[in-house]
Amino acid sequence: MSGIDISTTLRFVLLALGVGFLLANLRIFVQFLRFLRLRSSALVTWPGRKPPLYGMLLALGVVLGGLVFFKVVVQQQTPMRAFGEGMMFLYYAYALPLSMRIGRGLYEDGIWAESGFVPYSKIGGLSWRDGREIELIIIYRLRSLARPLAVPQAHYGEVRRLLRDKIASHDIYFTGRALDLGTDERDLV
């Protein structure tokens, strides 16, 4: 392959990566705005957990920021030529740390799981999974989808109590969606 083909291919790959990271950035920024609206209704929350190798991800953001600076300022390329690197820089340097500021936990109208907010009306089932950490598994009512929520040991009792209260007040309602054996739904939590 000639140098032009490699350059064109690299530009296309960086553009595709830029579009993917743009969508990821927008998703996180929209989630953060939703969190800002909901945080006054928090019942019990805690900060999001850091991903593995978090320091290295931040360092990658710094390196990508330097690369964008080099391409735009030093090489005087158009900002569009640094689009892919710029979107990756925004993700690792800003969006990822911002996503960890979103309080995971229980709110008046739903549960903020690791991957987003689930209104109580869409919850069809709840389950606990013990492992290295305690996880609440939130099962959607109408789709085959489950979202985990890592619950710190310090908040476990309070989360269980609040979930029992939400089931008792029918904010979370299981009957009719699963096999009813005549037991109290609150015992499921």
N, C-alpha and C. Protein backbone atom coordinates (compact mmCIF):
# COMPACT_ATOMS: atom_id res chain seq x y z
N MET A 1 0.84 -1.18 0.00
CA MET A 1 0.00 0.00 0.00
C MET A 1 0.89 1.24 0.00
N SER A 2 0.43 2.26 -0.65
CA SER A 2 1.19 3.51 -0.70
C SER A 2 0.91 4.33 0.55
N GLY A 3 1.74 5.38 0.74
CA GLY A 3 1.59 6.27 1.89
C GLY A 3 0.25 6.97 1.92
N ILE A 4 -0.30 7.27 0.75
CA ILE A 4 -1.59 7.96 0.67
C ILE A 4 -2.70 7.05 1.17
N ASP A 5 -2.66 5.78 0.84
CA ASP A 5 -3.69 4.85 1.29
C ASP A 5 -3.67 4.70 2.82
N ILE A 6 -2.47 4.61 3.40
CA ILE A 6 -2.35 4.49 4.85
C ILE A 6 -2.85 5.76 5.52
N SER A 7 -2.49 6.90 4.97
CA SER A 7 -2.93 8.18 5.52
C SER A 7 -4.44 8.33 5.45
N THR A 8 -5.02 7.96 4.33
CA THR A 8 -6.49 8.04 4.17
C THR A 8 -7.18 7.07 5.13
N THR A 9 -6.65 5.87 5.24
CA THR A 9 -7.22 4.88 6.15
C THR A 9 -7.14 5.37 7.59
N LEU A 10 -5.99 5.91 7.97
CA LEU A 10 -5.81 6.42 9.33
C LEU A 10 -6.78 7.57 9.61
N ARG A 11 -6.95 8.47 8.65
CA ARG A 11 -7.89 9.58 8.82
C ARG A 11 -9.32 9.07 9.00
N PHE A 12 -9.69 8.05 8.21
CA PHE A 12 -11.04 7.47 8.32
C PHE A 12 -11.23 6.81 9.69
N VAL A 13 -10.24 6.06 10.14
CA VAL A 13 -10.32 5.40 11.45
C VAL A 13 -10.45 6.43 12.57
N LEU A 14 -9.65 7.49 12.50
CA LEU A 14 -9.73 8.54 13.53
C LEU A 14 -11.07 9.27 13.49
N LEU A 15 -11.62 9.46 12.30
CA LEU A 15 -12.94 10.08 12.18
C LEU A 15 -14.01 9.18 12.80
N ALA A 16 -13.94 7.87 12.50
CA ALA A 16 -14.91 6.93 13.06
C ALA A 16 -14.79 6.88 14.59
N LEU A 17 -13.55 6.84 15.10
CA LEU A 17 -13.36 6.88 16.55
C LEU A 17 -13.91 8.19 17.14
N GLY A 18 -13.69 9.29 16.44
CA GLY A 18 -14.19 10.58 16.90
C GLY A 18 -15.70 10.59 17.01
N VAL A 19 -16.38 10.02 16.03
CA VAL A 19 -17.86 9.96 16.07
C VAL A 19 -18.31 9.09 17.23
N GLY A 20 -17.66 7.95 17.42
CA GLY A 20 -18.02 7.07 18.54
C GLY A 20 -17.81 7.74 19.89
N PHE A 21 -16.68 8.40 20.05
CA PHE A 21 -16.41 9.10 21.32
C PHE A 21 -17.31 10.32 21.49
N LEU A 22 -17.70 10.97 20.39
CA LEU A 22 -18.66 12.08 20.48
C LEU A 22 -19.98 11.59 21.06
N LEU A 23 -20.45 10.44 20.57
CA LEU A 23 -21.69 9.88 21.10
C LEU A 23 -21.56 9.50 22.57
N ALA A 24 -20.42 8.92 22.94
CA ALA A 24 -20.19 8.58 24.35
C ALA A 24 -20.14 9.83 25.22
N ASN A 25 -19.48 10.88 24.74
CA ASN A 25 -19.41 12.15 25.48
C ASN A 25 -20.80 12.74 25.67
N LEU A 26 -21.59 12.78 24.59
CA LEU A 26 -22.94 13.33 24.67
C LEU A 26 -23.79 12.55 25.66
N ARG A 27 -23.67 11.22 25.64
CA ARG A 27 -24.44 10.39 26.57
C ARG A 27 -24.10 10.73 28.01
N ILE A 28 -22.81 10.87 28.31
CA ILE A 28 -22.40 11.19 29.68
C ILE A 28 -22.85 12.59 30.07
N PHE A 29 -22.73 13.56 29.18
CA PHE A 29 -23.14 14.92 29.51
C PHE A 29 -24.66 15.00 29.73
N VAL A 30 -25.44 14.27 28.94
CA VAL A 30 -26.90 14.23 29.14
C VAL A 30 -27.22 13.56 30.47
N GLN A 31 -26.52 12.47 30.79
CA GLN A 31 -26.74 11.81 32.08
C GLN A 31 -26.39 12.75 33.24
N PHE A 32 -25.33 13.51 33.10
CA PHE A 32 -24.94 14.42 34.17
C PHE A 32 -25.98 15.52 34.36
N LEU A 33 -26.52 16.05 33.27
CA LEU A 33 -27.58 17.05 33.38
C LEU A 33 -28.81 16.47 34.06
N ARG A 34 -29.15 15.22 33.74
CA ARG A 34 -30.28 14.56 34.40
C ARG A 34 -29.99 14.39 35.89
N PHE A 35 -28.76 14.03 36.22
CA PHE A 35 -28.37 13.90 37.62
C PHE A 35 -28.52 15.23 38.36
N LEU A 36 -28.12 16.34 37.72
CA LEU A 36 -28.25 17.64 38.37
C LEU A 36 -29.71 17.95 38.70
N ARG A 37 -30.62 17.54 37.82
CA ARG A 37 -32.05 17.76 38.09
C ARG A 37 -32.56 16.84 39.20
N LEU A 38 -32.01 15.63 39.29
CA LEU A 38 -32.52 14.64 40.24
C LEU A 38 -31.86 14.68 41.61
N ARG A 39 -30.70 15.29 41.72
CA ARG A 39 -29.94 15.14 42.96
C ARG A 39 -30.65 15.69 44.19
N SER A 40 -31.57 16.62 44.02
CA SER A 40 -32.30 17.12 45.18
C SER A 40 -33.30 16.08 45.71
N SER A 41 -33.61 15.06 44.91
CA SER A 41 -34.54 14.02 45.35
C SER A 41 -33.81 12.76 45.81
N ALA A 42 -32.51 12.86 46.07
CA ALA A 42 -31.72 11.70 46.48
C ALA A 42 -32.16 11.19 47.85
N LEU A 43 -32.31 9.88 47.96
CA LEU A 43 -32.63 9.26 49.23
C LEU A 43 -31.37 8.72 49.90
N VAL A 44 -30.58 7.97 49.15
CA VAL A 44 -29.28 7.50 49.62
C VAL A 44 -28.41 7.31 48.38
N THR A 45 -27.26 8.00 48.35
CA THR A 45 -26.37 7.93 47.19
C THR A 45 -24.92 7.85 47.63
N TRP A 46 -24.08 7.49 46.69
CA TRP A 46 -22.64 7.42 46.88
C TRP A 46 -22.00 7.68 45.53
N PRO A 47 -20.74 8.09 45.51
CA PRO A 47 -20.08 8.37 44.22
C PRO A 47 -19.85 7.10 43.41
N GLY A 48 -19.78 7.25 42.11
CA GLY A 48 -19.49 6.11 41.24
C GLY A 48 -18.10 5.58 41.51
N ARG A 49 -17.92 4.30 41.24
CA ARG A 49 -16.61 3.70 41.49
C ARG A 49 -15.67 3.97 40.32
N LYS A 50 -14.41 4.07 40.65
CA LYS A 50 -13.41 4.33 39.62
C LYS A 50 -13.17 3.05 38.82
N PRO A 51 -13.02 3.20 37.50
CA PRO A 51 -12.73 2.02 36.69
C PRO A 51 -11.31 1.53 36.95
N PRO A 52 -11.04 0.27 36.61
CA PRO A 52 -9.67 -0.22 36.75
C PRO A 52 -8.71 0.64 35.93
N LEU A 53 -7.54 0.84 36.41
CA LEU A 53 -6.50 1.62 35.74
C LEU A 53 -6.94 3.07 35.48
N TYR A 54 -7.66 3.64 36.43
CA TYR A 54 -8.19 4.99 36.28
C TYR A 54 -7.09 6.01 36.03
N GLY A 55 -5.99 5.91 36.76
CA GLY A 55 -4.88 6.84 36.58
C GLY A 55 -4.32 6.79 35.17
N MET A 56 -4.24 5.59 34.62
CA MET A 56 -3.73 5.45 33.25
C MET A 56 -4.71 6.07 32.24
N LEU A 57 -6.00 5.96 32.50
CA LEU A 57 -6.99 6.57 31.61
C LEU A 57 -6.88 8.09 31.64
N LEU A 58 -6.65 8.65 32.83
CA LEU A 58 -6.44 10.10 32.92
C LEU A 58 -5.16 10.52 32.21
N ALA A 59 -4.12 9.71 32.35
CA ALA A 59 -2.85 10.00 31.66
C ALA A 59 -3.05 9.94 30.14
N LEU A 60 -3.86 9.01 29.69
CA LEU A 60 -4.17 8.93 28.26
C LEU A 60 -4.88 10.21 27.81
N GLY A 61 -5.76 10.74 28.64
CA GLY A 61 -6.42 12.01 28.33
C GLY A 61 -5.43 13.15 28.20
N VAL A 62 -4.44 13.19 29.08
CA VAL A 62 -3.40 14.24 29.02
C VAL A 62 -2.59 14.10 27.74
N VAL A 63 -2.21 12.87 27.40
CA VAL A 63 -1.44 12.63 26.18
C VAL A 63 -2.25 13.04 24.95
N LEU A 64 -3.52 12.68 24.92
CA LEU A 64 -4.37 13.05 23.78
C LEU A 64 -4.53 14.57 23.70
N GLY A 65 -4.64 15.24 24.85
CA GLY A 65 -4.69 16.70 24.86
C GLY A 65 -3.43 17.31 24.27
N GLY A 66 -2.28 16.74 24.63
CA GLY A 66 -1.02 17.20 24.05
C GLY A 66 -0.96 16.96 22.55
N LEU A 67 -1.49 15.83 22.11
CA LEU A 67 -1.51 15.53 20.67
C LEU A 67 -2.40 16.51 19.91
N VAL A 68 -3.55 16.82 20.48
CA VAL A 68 -4.45 17.80 19.84
C VAL A 68 -3.76 19.16 19.77
N PHE A 69 -3.13 19.57 20.86
CA PHE A 69 -2.41 20.84 20.88
C PHE A 69 -1.32 20.85 19.81
N PHE A 70 -0.56 19.77 19.73
CA PHE A 70 0.53 19.68 18.76
C PHE A 70 -0.01 19.78 17.32
N LYS A 71 -1.09 19.05 17.04
CA LYS A 71 -1.62 19.06 15.67
C LYS A 71 -2.20 20.42 15.29
N VAL A 72 -2.90 21.07 16.22
CA VAL A 72 -3.60 22.31 15.89
C VAL A 72 -2.67 23.53 16.00
N VAL A 73 -1.87 23.60 17.04
CA VAL A 73 -1.05 24.78 17.28
C VAL A 73 0.31 24.68 16.59
N VAL A 74 1.01 23.59 16.81
CA VAL A 74 2.36 23.47 16.26
C VAL A 74 2.33 23.17 14.76
N GLN A 75 1.59 22.15 14.37
CA GLN A 75 1.52 21.79 12.95
C GLN A 75 0.53 22.66 12.17
N GLN A 76 -0.28 23.43 12.86
CA GLN A 76 -1.28 24.33 12.29
C GLN A 76 -2.23 23.61 11.34
N GLN A 77 -2.64 22.41 11.76
CA GLN A 77 -3.66 21.67 11.02
C GLN A 77 -5.03 22.21 11.43
N THR A 78 -6.01 21.98 10.61
CA THR A 78 -7.37 22.42 10.95
C THR A 78 -7.87 21.59 12.14
N PRO A 79 -8.74 22.17 12.96
CA PRO A 79 -9.27 21.41 14.09
C PRO A 79 -9.99 20.13 13.66
N MET A 80 -10.53 20.10 12.45
CA MET A 80 -11.20 18.89 11.97
C MET A 80 -10.22 17.73 11.84
N ARG A 81 -8.97 18.02 11.56
CA ARG A 81 -7.95 16.97 11.46
C ARG A 81 -7.65 16.36 12.83
N ALA A 82 -8.00 17.05 13.90
CA ALA A 82 -7.77 16.54 15.26
C ALA A 82 -9.09 16.14 15.92
N PHE A 83 -10.13 15.94 15.13
CA PHE A 83 -11.46 15.63 15.67
C PHE A 83 -11.46 14.34 16.49
N GLY A 84 -10.93 13.27 15.94
CA GLY A 84 -10.92 11.99 16.64
C GLY A 84 -10.16 12.06 17.95
N GLU A 85 -8.95 12.62 17.88
CA GLU A 85 -8.15 12.75 19.08
C GLU A 85 -8.80 13.69 20.09
N GLY A 86 -9.46 14.73 19.58
CA GLY A 86 -10.13 15.69 20.46
C GLY A 86 -11.30 15.07 21.21
N MET A 87 -12.08 14.24 20.53
CA MET A 87 -13.20 13.58 21.20
C MET A 87 -12.71 12.57 22.23
N MET A 88 -11.61 11.87 21.92
CA MET A 88 -11.04 10.94 22.89
C MET A 88 -10.48 11.71 24.09
N PHE A 89 -9.85 12.86 23.83
CA PHE A 89 -9.35 13.72 24.91
C PHE A 89 -10.49 14.16 25.82
N LEU A 90 -11.60 14.63 25.23
CA LEU A 90 -12.75 15.04 26.04
C LEU A 90 -13.28 13.89 26.89
N TYR A 91 -13.32 12.71 26.31
CA TYR A 91 -13.84 11.56 27.04
C TYR A 91 -12.96 11.22 28.25
N TYR A 92 -11.68 11.01 28.00
CA TYR A 92 -10.79 10.56 29.08
C TYR A 92 -10.46 11.66 30.08
N ALA A 93 -10.38 12.90 29.65
CA ALA A 93 -9.99 13.98 30.56
C ALA A 93 -11.18 14.62 31.28
N TYR A 94 -12.37 14.61 30.67
CA TYR A 94 -13.50 15.32 31.27
C TYR A 94 -14.73 14.44 31.50
N ALA A 95 -15.19 13.74 30.46
CA ALA A 95 -16.45 13.00 30.58
C ALA A 95 -16.34 11.84 31.57
N LEU A 96 -15.27 11.07 31.52
CA LEU A 96 -15.11 9.94 32.43
C LEU A 96 -15.07 10.40 33.89
N PRO A 97 -14.25 11.40 34.26
CA PRO A 97 -14.30 11.88 35.65
C PRO A 97 -15.67 12.47 36.02
N LEU A 98 -16.33 13.12 35.06
CA LEU A 98 -17.66 13.69 35.33
C LEU A 98 -18.67 12.59 35.61
N SER A 99 -18.57 11.48 34.90
CA SER A 99 -19.52 10.38 35.11
C SER A 99 -19.40 9.78 36.51
N MET A 100 -18.22 9.85 37.09
CA MET A 100 -18.05 9.31 38.44
C MET A 100 -18.62 10.24 39.51
N ARG A 101 -18.92 11.47 39.15
CA ARG A 101 -19.53 12.40 40.11
C ARG A 101 -21.04 12.19 40.21
N ILE A 102 -21.60 11.42 39.30
CA ILE A 102 -23.03 11.12 39.34
C ILE A 102 -23.27 10.18 40.52
N GLY A 103 -24.15 10.58 41.41
CA GLY A 103 -24.44 9.78 42.60
C GLY A 103 -25.22 8.53 42.26
N ARG A 104 -24.61 7.36 42.50
CA ARG A 104 -25.31 6.10 42.33
C ARG A 104 -26.17 5.87 43.55
N GLY A 105 -27.31 5.21 43.37
CA GLY A 105 -28.14 4.90 44.52
C GLY A 105 -29.61 5.13 44.26
N LEU A 106 -30.35 5.38 45.34
CA LEU A 106 -31.80 5.51 45.27
C LEU A 106 -32.22 6.97 45.32
N TYR A 107 -33.16 7.28 44.45
CA TYR A 107 -33.76 8.61 44.37
C TYR A 107 -35.26 8.45 44.57
N GLU A 108 -35.94 9.55 44.70
CA GLU A 108 -37.38 9.51 44.93
C GLU A 108 -38.12 8.79 43.79
N ASP A 109 -37.64 8.95 42.55
CA ASP A 109 -38.35 8.39 41.39
C ASP A 109 -37.69 7.19 40.74
N GLY A 110 -36.53 6.75 41.24
CA GLY A 110 -35.88 5.62 40.61
C GLY A 110 -34.52 5.32 41.21
N ILE A 111 -33.81 4.44 40.54
CA ILE A 111 -32.49 4.00 41.00
C ILE A 111 -31.46 4.37 39.94
N TRP A 112 -30.37 4.97 40.37
CA TRP A 112 -29.28 5.27 39.43
C TRP A 112 -28.29 4.11 39.52
N ALA A 113 -28.30 3.26 38.51
CA ALA A 113 -27.41 2.10 38.45
C ALA A 113 -26.08 2.53 37.85
N GLU A 114 -25.19 1.58 37.67
CA GLU A 114 -23.86 1.89 37.13
C GLU A 114 -23.95 2.49 35.73
N SER A 115 -24.94 2.07 34.96
CA SER A 115 -25.01 2.53 33.57
C SER A 115 -26.16 3.49 33.28
N GLY A 116 -26.84 3.98 34.30
CA GLY A 116 -27.88 4.96 34.05
C GLY A 116 -29.04 4.86 35.02
N PHE A 117 -30.02 5.74 34.83
CA PHE A 117 -31.17 5.86 35.72
C PHE A 117 -32.29 4.93 35.28
N VAL A 118 -32.90 4.24 36.25
CA VAL A 118 -34.02 3.34 35.99
C VAL A 118 -35.20 3.80 36.85
N PRO A 119 -36.28 4.32 36.25
CA PRO A 119 -37.45 4.70 37.05
C PRO A 119 -38.07 3.48 37.73
N TYR A 120 -38.65 3.67 38.91
CA TYR A 120 -39.26 2.57 39.63
C TYR A 120 -40.35 1.89 38.80
N SER A 121 -41.07 2.65 38.00
CA SER A 121 -42.16 2.09 37.20
C SER A 121 -41.68 1.10 36.14
N LYS A 122 -40.39 1.12 35.80
CA LYS A 122 -39.85 0.20 34.79
C LYS A 122 -39.17 -1.01 35.39
N ILE A 123 -39.15 -1.09 36.73
CA ILE A 123 -38.47 -2.20 37.39
C ILE A 123 -39.44 -3.37 37.52
N GLY A 124 -39.03 -4.52 37.00
CA GLY A 124 -39.85 -5.72 37.08
C GLY A 124 -39.32 -6.73 38.08
N GLY A 125 -38.10 -6.53 38.55
CA GLY A 125 -37.52 -7.45 39.51
C GLY A 125 -36.24 -6.89 40.09
N LEU A 126 -35.92 -7.35 41.29
CA LEU A 126 -34.69 -6.97 41.97
C LEU A 126 -34.05 -8.22 42.54
N SER A 127 -32.75 -8.25 42.54
CA SER A 127 -32.05 -9.39 43.11
C SER A 127 -30.71 -8.90 43.66
N TRP A 128 -30.22 -9.59 44.67
CA TRP A 128 -28.93 -9.26 45.26
C TRP A 128 -27.93 -10.30 44.82
N ARG A 129 -26.71 -9.85 44.55
CA ARG A 129 -25.63 -10.76 44.19
C ARG A 129 -24.43 -10.42 45.08
N ASP A 130 -23.98 -11.42 45.82
CA ASP A 130 -22.81 -11.24 46.68
C ASP A 130 -21.59 -11.75 45.95
N GLY A 131 -20.52 -11.03 46.10
CA GLY A 131 -19.25 -11.41 45.52
C GLY A 131 -18.18 -10.60 46.23
N ARG A 132 -17.26 -10.06 45.46
CA ARG A 132 -16.27 -9.17 46.05
C ARG A 132 -16.96 -7.97 46.66
N GLU A 133 -18.05 -7.55 46.03
CA GLU A 133 -18.88 -6.47 46.56
C GLU A 133 -20.33 -6.86 46.38
N ILE A 134 -21.19 -6.19 47.11
CA ILE A 134 -22.62 -6.48 47.04
C ILE A 134 -23.19 -5.71 45.84
N GLU A 135 -23.96 -6.39 45.01
CA GLU A 135 -24.59 -5.74 43.86
C GLU A 135 -26.09 -5.96 43.89
N LEU A 136 -26.81 -4.90 43.62
CA LEU A 136 -28.24 -4.97 43.41
C LEU A 136 -28.44 -5.10 41.90
N ILE A 137 -29.13 -6.14 41.48
CA ILE A 137 -29.41 -6.34 40.06
C ILE A 137 -30.84 -5.85 39.81
N ILE A 138 -30.96 -4.88 38.92
CA ILE A 138 -32.24 -4.27 38.59
C ILE A 138 -32.70 -4.85 37.26
N ILE A 139 -33.85 -5.49 37.26
CA ILE A 139 -34.37 -6.16 36.06
C ILE A 139 -35.53 -5.33 35.53
N TYR A 140 -35.46 -5.01 34.24
CA TYR A 140 -36.51 -4.22 33.61
C TYR A 140 -37.80 -5.02 33.51
N ARG A 141 -38.91 -4.32 33.56
CA ARG A 141 -40.23 -4.93 33.50
C ARG A 141 -40.55 -5.47 32.11
N LEU A 142 -40.28 -4.74 31.05
CA LEU A 142 -40.75 -5.12 29.72
C LEU A 142 -39.66 -5.66 28.80
N ARG A 143 -38.40 -5.57 29.18
CA ARG A 143 -37.35 -6.08 28.31
C ARG A 143 -36.44 -7.00 29.09
N SER A 144 -35.72 -7.80 28.36
CA SER A 144 -34.76 -8.71 28.98
C SER A 144 -33.45 -7.97 29.20
N LEU A 145 -33.47 -7.09 30.17
CA LEU A 145 -32.30 -6.27 30.44
C LEU A 145 -32.15 -6.12 31.95
N ALA A 146 -30.92 -6.23 32.40
CA ALA A 146 -30.65 -6.04 33.82
C ALA A 146 -29.47 -5.08 33.96
N ARG A 147 -29.53 -4.26 35.00
CA ARG A 147 -28.45 -3.31 35.28
C ARG A 147 -27.96 -3.53 36.70
N PRO A 148 -26.65 -3.59 36.86
CA PRO A 148 -26.11 -3.76 38.21
C PRO A 148 -25.90 -2.42 38.92
N LEU A 149 -25.96 -2.46 40.23
CA LEU A 149 -25.62 -1.31 41.06
C LEU A 149 -24.78 -1.83 42.22
N ALA A 150 -23.52 -1.46 42.24
CA ALA A 150 -22.64 -1.85 43.35
C ALA A 150 -23.03 -1.04 44.57
N VAL A 151 -23.40 -1.72 45.64
CA VAL A 151 -23.85 -1.06 46.87
C VAL A 151 -22.75 -1.20 47.93
N PRO A 152 -22.20 -0.07 48.39
CA PRO A 152 -21.19 -0.15 49.46
C PRO A 152 -21.78 -0.76 50.72
N GLN A 153 -20.97 -1.52 51.42
CA GLN A 153 -21.42 -2.20 52.65
C GLN A 153 -22.05 -1.22 53.64
N ALA A 154 -21.53 0.00 53.71
CA ALA A 154 -22.05 1.00 54.66
C ALA A 154 -23.49 1.41 54.35
N HIS A 155 -23.93 1.26 53.09
CA HIS A 155 -25.28 1.67 52.70
C HIS A 155 -26.23 0.49 52.48
N TYR A 156 -25.74 -0.73 52.64
CA TYR A 156 -26.53 -1.92 52.32
C TYR A 156 -27.85 -1.98 53.10
N GLY A 157 -27.81 -1.83 54.42
CA GLY A 157 -29.02 -1.89 55.24
C GLY A 157 -30.02 -0.81 54.88
N GLU A 158 -29.53 0.40 54.68
CA GLU A 158 -30.42 1.51 54.34
C GLU A 158 -31.06 1.30 52.96
N VAL A 159 -30.29 0.79 52.01
CA VAL A 159 -30.84 0.52 50.67
C VAL A 159 -31.92 -0.54 50.75
N ARG A 160 -31.68 -1.62 51.50
CA ARG A 160 -32.70 -2.67 51.66
C ARG A 160 -33.98 -2.11 52.28
N ARG A 161 -33.81 -1.28 53.31
CA ARG A 161 -34.99 -0.70 53.98
C ARG A 161 -35.76 0.20 53.02
N LEU A 162 -35.06 1.06 52.29
CA LEU A 162 -35.74 1.95 51.35
C LEU A 162 -36.44 1.17 50.23
N LEU A 163 -35.81 0.11 49.75
CA LEU A 163 -36.46 -0.72 48.72
C LEU A 163 -37.71 -1.38 49.26
N ARG A 164 -37.65 -1.88 50.49
CA ARG A 164 -38.85 -2.47 51.11
C ARG A 164 -39.96 -1.43 51.21
N ASP A 165 -39.60 -0.18 51.59
CA ASP A 165 -40.59 0.89 51.69
C ASP A 165 -41.19 1.21 50.32
N LYS A 166 -40.36 1.23 49.27
CA LYS A 166 -40.85 1.52 47.92
C LYS A 166 -41.77 0.41 47.42
N ILE A 167 -41.48 -0.83 47.78
CA ILE A 167 -42.35 -1.94 47.41
C ILE A 167 -43.65 -1.85 48.18
N ALA A 168 -43.58 -1.52 49.47
CA ALA A 168 -44.78 -1.40 50.30
C ALA A 168 -45.69 -0.29 49.80
N SER A 169 -45.12 0.80 49.28
CA SER A 169 -45.93 1.91 48.78
C SER A 169 -46.30 1.71 47.30
N HIS A 170 -45.94 0.56 46.73
CA HIS A 170 -46.24 0.19 45.33
C HIS A 170 -45.56 1.09 44.31
N ASP A 171 -44.47 1.75 44.70
CA ASP A 171 -43.65 2.45 43.71
C ASP A 171 -42.93 1.41 42.85
N ILE A 172 -42.54 0.31 43.48
CA ILE A 172 -41.99 -0.85 42.77
C ILE A 172 -43.03 -1.95 42.94
N TYR A 173 -43.50 -2.49 41.83
CA TYR A 173 -44.61 -3.44 41.88
C TYR A 173 -44.26 -4.67 41.06
N PHE A 174 -44.21 -5.84 41.72
CA PHE A 174 -43.84 -7.08 41.04
C PHE A 174 -45.03 -7.97 40.71
N THR A 175 -46.09 -7.96 41.49
CA THR A 175 -47.20 -8.90 41.33
C THR A 175 -47.80 -8.80 39.93
N GLY A 176 -48.10 -9.97 39.37
CA GLY A 176 -48.66 -10.03 38.02
C GLY A 176 -47.60 -10.19 36.96
N ARG A 177 -46.36 -9.95 37.29
CA ARG A 177 -45.26 -10.08 36.33
C ARG A 177 -44.45 -11.34 36.59
N ALA A 178 -44.60 -11.91 37.75
CA ALA A 178 -43.85 -13.11 38.08
C ALA A 178 -44.78 -14.10 38.77
N LEU A 179 -44.29 -15.27 39.03
CA LEU A 179 -45.09 -16.28 39.71
C LEU A 179 -45.41 -15.81 41.11
N ASP A 180 -46.69 -15.69 41.45
CA ASP A 180 -47.11 -15.21 42.75
C ASP A 180 -47.41 -16.40 43.64
N LEU A 181 -46.60 -16.59 44.66
CA LEU A 181 -46.77 -17.72 45.57
C LEU A 181 -47.44 -17.29 46.87
N GLY A 182 -48.04 -16.09 46.87
CA GLY A 182 -48.75 -15.62 48.05
C GLY A 182 -47.86 -15.05 49.12
N THR A 183 -46.60 -14.81 48.82
CA THR A 183 -45.70 -14.21 49.80
C THR A 183 -45.72 -12.70 49.68
N ASP A 184 -45.22 -12.06 50.69
CA ASP A 184 -45.11 -10.61 50.68
C ASP A 184 -43.98 -10.21 49.73
N GLU A 185 -44.26 -9.33 48.78
CA GLU A 185 -43.26 -8.90 47.79
C GLU A 185 -42.03 -8.29 48.45
N ARG A 186 -42.21 -7.69 49.60
CA ARG A 186 -41.10 -7.02 50.25
C ARG A 186 -40.03 -8.03 50.66
N ASP A 187 -40.42 -9.29 50.86
CA ASP A 187 -39.45 -10.32 51.23
C ASP A 187 -38.48 -10.61 50.10
N LEU A 188 -38.84 -10.24 48.86
CA LEU A 188 -37.97 -10.47 47.72
C LEU A 188 -36.73 -9.60 47.78
N VAL A 189 -36.83 -8.47 48.46
CA VAL A 189 -35.69 -7.57 48.57
C VAL A 189 -34.86 -7.99 49.74
